[in-house]
Amino acid sequence: MTLDLKLDLPENVFKEAKKAGLLQPAEIERLLREELRRRRVDELFAAADKLAGLELPPLTEEELEAEIAAAREARAK
C-alpha cells in the first residue's frame, strides 16, 4: 500500500532527520512499527495495572483456558 505523506517540519529537524536517514521509506516504516509496538506494550501494562487493582478471586484452570480460547477466537475474526 502506498501513502503520499507531506510533513511540515522545522528546517533544523528536517536537515537532521534527512542526514540521519530517517526520511527514507524503510526508516519511516521501522519507526512506525516501533511506535505501534511500544503502544501495544503500554496498553498491555495499563490493562495489567487495572486488573491488579481489582480484587477478584483467581481464575481456575478451566476458566483461564476458556478465556484464552475466547481471546483467540476474537482475534481470529
Protein backbone atom coordinates (compact mmCIF):
# COMPACT_ATOMS: atom_id res chain seq x y z
CA MET A 1 0.00 0.00 0.00
CA THR A 2 1.27 3.45 -0.84
CA LEU A 3 0.69 6.63 1.12
CA ASP A 4 1.85 10.03 -0.04
CA LEU A 5 2.86 11.92 3.06
CA LYS A 6 3.59 15.61 3.42
CA LEU A 7 5.34 16.78 6.57
CA ASP A 8 5.73 20.32 7.79
CA LEU A 9 8.92 20.28 9.84
CA PRO A 10 11.18 22.96 11.21
CA GLU A 11 14.23 23.27 8.96
CA ASN A 12 16.67 22.09 11.60
CA VAL A 13 14.60 18.95 12.29
CA PHE A 14 14.30 18.26 8.55
CA LYS A 15 18.05 18.58 8.00
CA GLU A 16 18.95 16.41 10.97
CA ALA A 17 16.37 13.74 10.08
CA LYS A 18 17.50 13.69 6.45
CA LYS A 19 21.16 13.43 7.46
CA ALA A 20 20.28 10.54 9.79
CA GLY A 21 18.36 8.78 7.02
CA LEU A 22 15.09 8.97 8.91
CA LEU A 23 13.09 10.26 5.95
CA GLN A 24 13.63 7.14 3.82
CA PRO A 25 10.52 4.93 3.37
CA ALA A 26 12.11 1.90 5.06
CA GLU A 27 13.17 4.00 8.05
CA ILE A 28 9.74 5.63 8.38
CA GLU A 29 8.19 2.16 8.30
CA ARG A 30 10.61 0.98 11.02
CA LEU A 31 9.79 4.00 13.17
CA LEU A 32 6.05 3.46 12.76
CA ARG A 33 6.32 -0.25 13.58
CA GLU A 34 8.41 0.55 16.65
CA GLU A 35 5.86 3.11 17.87
CA LEU A 36 2.95 0.73 17.27
CA ARG A 37 4.74 -1.97 19.28
CA ARG A 38 5.51 0.48 22.08
CA ARG A 39 1.85 1.49 22.25
CA ARG A 40 0.70 -2.14 22.38
CA VAL A 41 3.12 -2.79 25.24
CA ASP A 42 1.88 0.34 27.07
CA GLU A 43 -1.72 -0.80 26.63
CA LEU A 44 -0.83 -4.25 27.93
CA PHE A 45 0.80 -2.82 31.05
CA ALA A 46 -2.12 -0.42 31.59
CA ALA A 47 -4.54 -3.34 31.39
CA ALA A 48 -2.36 -5.38 33.78
CA ASP A 49 -2.29 -2.49 36.26
CA LYS A 50 -6.06 -2.16 36.03
CA LEU A 51 -6.54 -5.88 36.61
CA ALA A 52 -4.10 -5.84 39.52
CA GLY A 53 -6.25 -3.17 41.16
CA LEU A 54 -9.35 -5.35 41.06
CA GLU A 55 -9.96 -7.60 44.00
CA LEU A 56 -11.12 -10.69 42.18
CA PRO A 57 -10.54 -14.32 43.08
CA PRO A 58 -8.01 -16.06 40.86
CA LEU A 59 -9.34 -17.94 37.83
CA THR A 60 -9.50 -21.71 37.88
CA GLU A 61 -7.52 -23.60 35.24
CA GLU A 62 -10.75 -24.22 33.30
CA GLU A 63 -11.76 -20.54 33.44
CA LEU A 64 -8.31 -19.49 32.29
CA GLU A 65 -8.40 -21.91 29.33
CA ALA A 66 -11.88 -20.63 28.39
CA GLU A 67 -10.65 -17.01 28.47
CA ILE A 68 -7.65 -17.85 26.31
CA ALA A 69 -9.86 -19.69 23.80
CA ALA A 70 -12.31 -16.75 23.66
CA ALA A 71 -9.49 -14.25 23.12
CA ARG A 72 -8.00 -16.37 20.33
CA GLU A 73 -11.41 -16.69 18.67
CA ALA A 74 -12.00 -12.93 18.88
CA ARG A 75 -8.53 -12.25 17.47
CA ALA A 76 -9.16 -14.61 14.53
CA LYS A 77 -12.21 -12.61 13.42
